[in-house]
């Protein structure tokens, strides 16, 4: 029986730049950094969850053909990969801290039915969200209107 998730992968275009962003800016810690010759196995973890690893994976062999890797790299740059949702105890304070460090946000902190969250991208285009969970509340008509595709096309900086 499966009893958890141990590694989540995020495609990155340059693992050294990824280390600087995810460790130097966001505060993750390096778990494993091994040059295997044909690839680099690079995992990081949130300091408070050392067993919850993120593999900072450069698309390419042996997992992907060069043709497929090129397509993946293009999708990463377009911000078309699935979002990674990070958690925080204080979304507004962490947002202010990261903005002061130069992180560019695509959505400022906003109250949602599940808590407070915001959105930003890593240096490659990956979509990241940061959420402070609060007691759930009912979804309102205002929430639905804000989330609708029509509202996103009226000037939101958030693509997904």
Protein backbone atom coordinates (compact mmCIF):
# COMPACT_ATOMS: atom_id res chain seq x y z
CA UNK A 1 0.00 0.00 0.00
CA UNK A 2 1.26 3.48 -0.85
CA UNK A 3 1.69 5.54 2.31
CA UNK A 4 3.03 8.86 1.12
CA UNK A 5 4.82 10.98 -1.45
CA UNK A 6 8.58 11.14 -1.08
CA UNK A 7 9.80 13.03 -4.18
CA UNK A 8 8.08 15.57 -6.41
CA UNK A 9 9.95 16.68 -9.55
CA UNK A 10 10.17 20.18 -10.97
CA UNK A 11 11.75 20.61 -14.39
CA UNK A 12 14.46 23.27 -14.41
CA UNK A 13 16.67 24.47 -17.25
CA UNK A 14 19.81 25.08 -15.18
CA UNK A 15 20.35 23.26 -11.90
CA UNK A 16 22.82 25.82 -10.52
CA UNK A 17 20.34 28.66 -11.13
CA UNK A 18 17.64 26.46 -9.57
CA UNK A 19 19.81 25.92 -6.47
CA UNK A 20 20.32 29.66 -6.10
CA UNK A 21 16.58 30.31 -6.34
CA UNK A 22 15.11 27.40 -4.38
CA UNK A 23 17.82 27.27 -1.69
CA UNK A 24 19.26 30.80 -1.69
CA UNK A 25 16.00 32.70 -2.13
CA UNK A 26 13.16 30.42 -1.00
CA UNK A 27 15.06 28.79 1.87
CA UNK A 28 14.97 25.11 0.94
CA UNK A 29 17.91 22.91 1.97
CA UNK A 30 19.93 20.59 -0.25
CA UNK A 31 19.28 16.93 0.45
CA UNK A 32 21.29 15.23 -2.30
CA UNK A 33 23.55 16.62 -5.03
CA UNK A 34 25.24 13.84 -6.98
CA UNK A 35 26.86 14.08 -10.40
CA UNK A 36 26.11 10.71 -11.96
CA UNK A 37 28.01 11.50 -15.16
CA UNK A 38 24.99 11.19 -17.46
CA UNK A 39 22.79 13.31 -15.16
CA UNK A 40 22.81 15.22 -11.89
CA UNK A 41 20.55 13.98 -9.09
CA UNK A 42 19.65 17.12 -7.15
CA UNK A 43 17.02 17.08 -4.42
CA UNK A 44 15.99 19.80 -1.99
CA UNK A 45 13.57 19.87 0.93
CA UNK A 46 11.74 22.41 3.05
CA UNK A 47 13.68 22.73 6.32
CA UNK A 48 10.60 21.67 8.31
CA UNK A 49 9.92 18.61 6.11
CA UNK A 50 13.27 16.91 5.40
CA UNK A 51 11.54 13.77 4.08
CA UNK A 52 9.45 15.70 1.49
CA UNK A 53 11.89 16.06 -1.39
CA UNK A 54 11.77 18.01 -4.63
CA UNK A 55 13.91 16.76 -7.49
CA UNK A 56 15.22 19.70 -9.50
CA UNK A 57 15.35 17.80 -12.77
CA UNK A 58 16.88 18.99 -16.01
CA UNK A 59 14.80 17.52 -18.86
CA UNK A 60 16.89 15.11 -20.89
CA UNK A 61 18.28 11.60 -21.16
CA UNK A 62 18.06 9.02 -19.75
CA UNK A 63 14.42 9.73 -18.80
CA UNK A 64 13.55 11.62 -22.01
CA UNK A 65 14.74 11.65 -25.59
CA UNK A 66 16.40 14.88 -26.75
CA UNK A 67 13.34 15.69 -28.88
CA UNK A 68 10.95 15.24 -25.96
CA UNK A 69 13.30 17.14 -23.63
CA UNK A 70 13.34 20.10 -26.05
CA UNK A 71 9.53 20.15 -26.03
CA UNK A 72 9.46 19.99 -22.23
CA UNK A 73 11.96 22.87 -21.96
CA UNK A 74 9.73 24.96 -24.21
CA UNK A 75 6.68 24.18 -22.05
CA UNK A 76 8.62 25.10 -18.90
CA UNK A 77 9.60 28.45 -20.41
CA UNK A 78 5.97 29.10 -21.35
CA UNK A 79 4.87 28.41 -17.76
CA UNK A 80 2.72 25.52 -19.02
CA UNK A 81 3.82 22.90 -16.48
CA UNK A 82 1.56 22.07 -13.51
CA UNK A 83 1.80 24.35 -10.50
CA UNK A 84 3.68 23.40 -7.37
CA UNK A 85 1.86 24.61 -4.25
CA UNK A 86 4.03 25.51 -1.27
CA UNK A 87 2.76 26.16 2.25
CA UNK A 88 3.53 28.91 4.74
CA UNK A 89 2.30 29.97 8.16
CA UNK A 90 2.06 33.65 7.11
CA UNK A 91 1.45 34.26 3.41
CA UNK A 92 1.57 38.05 3.57
CA UNK A 93 4.83 38.20 5.55
CA UNK A 94 6.51 35.57 3.37
CA UNK A 95 5.29 37.38 0.25
CA UNK A 96 6.86 40.63 1.51
CA UNK A 97 10.12 38.85 2.38
CA UNK A 98 10.37 37.14 -1.02
CA UNK A 99 9.42 40.33 -2.91
CA UNK A 100 12.25 42.12 -1.06
CA UNK A 101 14.58 39.35 -2.31
CA UNK A 102 13.54 40.06 -5.89
CA UNK A 103 10.92 37.36 -6.48
CA UNK A 104 8.41 38.51 -9.08
CA UNK A 105 4.84 37.66 -8.15
CA UNK A 106 2.05 37.04 -10.64
CA UNK A 107 -0.59 37.36 -7.93
CA UNK A 108 -0.38 39.14 -4.61
CA UNK A 109 -1.80 37.51 -1.46
CA UNK A 110 -5.52 37.08 -1.70
CA UNK A 111 -8.18 35.62 0.59
CA UNK A 112 -9.56 32.36 -0.79
CA UNK A 113 -12.13 29.91 0.62
CA UNK A 114 -9.25 27.68 1.81
CA UNK A 115 -6.92 30.40 3.12
CA UNK A 116 -4.61 33.10 1.80
CA UNK A 117 -2.48 32.48 -1.25
CA UNK A 118 -0.38 34.12 -3.92
CA UNK A 119 1.47 33.09 -7.07
CA UNK A 120 4.94 33.53 -8.54
CA UNK A 121 7.26 31.89 -11.04
CA UNK A 122 10.73 30.47 -10.72
CA UNK A 123 13.52 31.74 -13.03
CA UNK A 124 12.49 29.22 -15.72
CA UNK A 125 8.76 29.95 -15.82
CA UNK A 126 7.43 27.25 -13.49
CA UNK A 127 4.23 28.31 -11.80
CA UNK A 128 4.45 28.27 -7.99
CA UNK A 129 1.73 29.07 -5.48
CA UNK A 130 2.17 29.72 -1.78
CA UNK A 131 -0.74 29.05 0.55
CA UNK A 132 -1.51 29.79 4.19
CA UNK A 133 -4.29 27.38 5.12
CA UNK A 134 -7.16 28.76 7.18
CA UNK A 135 -10.47 27.24 8.17
CA UNK A 136 -12.41 26.53 4.98
CA UNK A 137 -15.35 28.76 4.18
CA UNK A 138 -18.10 28.43 1.62
CA UNK A 139 -17.30 29.37 -1.96
CA UNK A 140 -19.18 32.53 -2.87
CA UNK A 141 -20.42 33.93 -6.17
CA UNK A 142 -17.58 36.48 -5.92
CA UNK A 143 -15.05 33.60 -5.75
CA UNK A 144 -16.56 31.94 -8.80
CA UNK A 145 -16.57 35.23 -10.72
CA UNK A 146 -12.93 35.89 -9.76
CA UNK A 147 -11.84 32.40 -10.87
CA UNK A 148 -13.80 32.37 -14.14
CA UNK A 149 -11.88 32.36 -17.43
CA UNK A 150 -13.52 35.70 -18.31
CA UNK A 151 -12.03 37.42 -15.25
CA UNK A 152 -8.58 35.99 -16.07
CA UNK A 153 -8.72 37.47 -19.55
CA UNK A 154 -9.61 40.91 -18.17
CA UNK A 155 -6.14 41.73 -16.95
CA UNK A 156 -5.14 39.18 -14.34
CA UNK A 157 -1.42 38.47 -14.28
CA UNK A 158 -2.14 34.89 -13.36
CA UNK A 159 -2.16 32.40 -16.24
CA UNK A 160 -3.30 29.32 -14.30
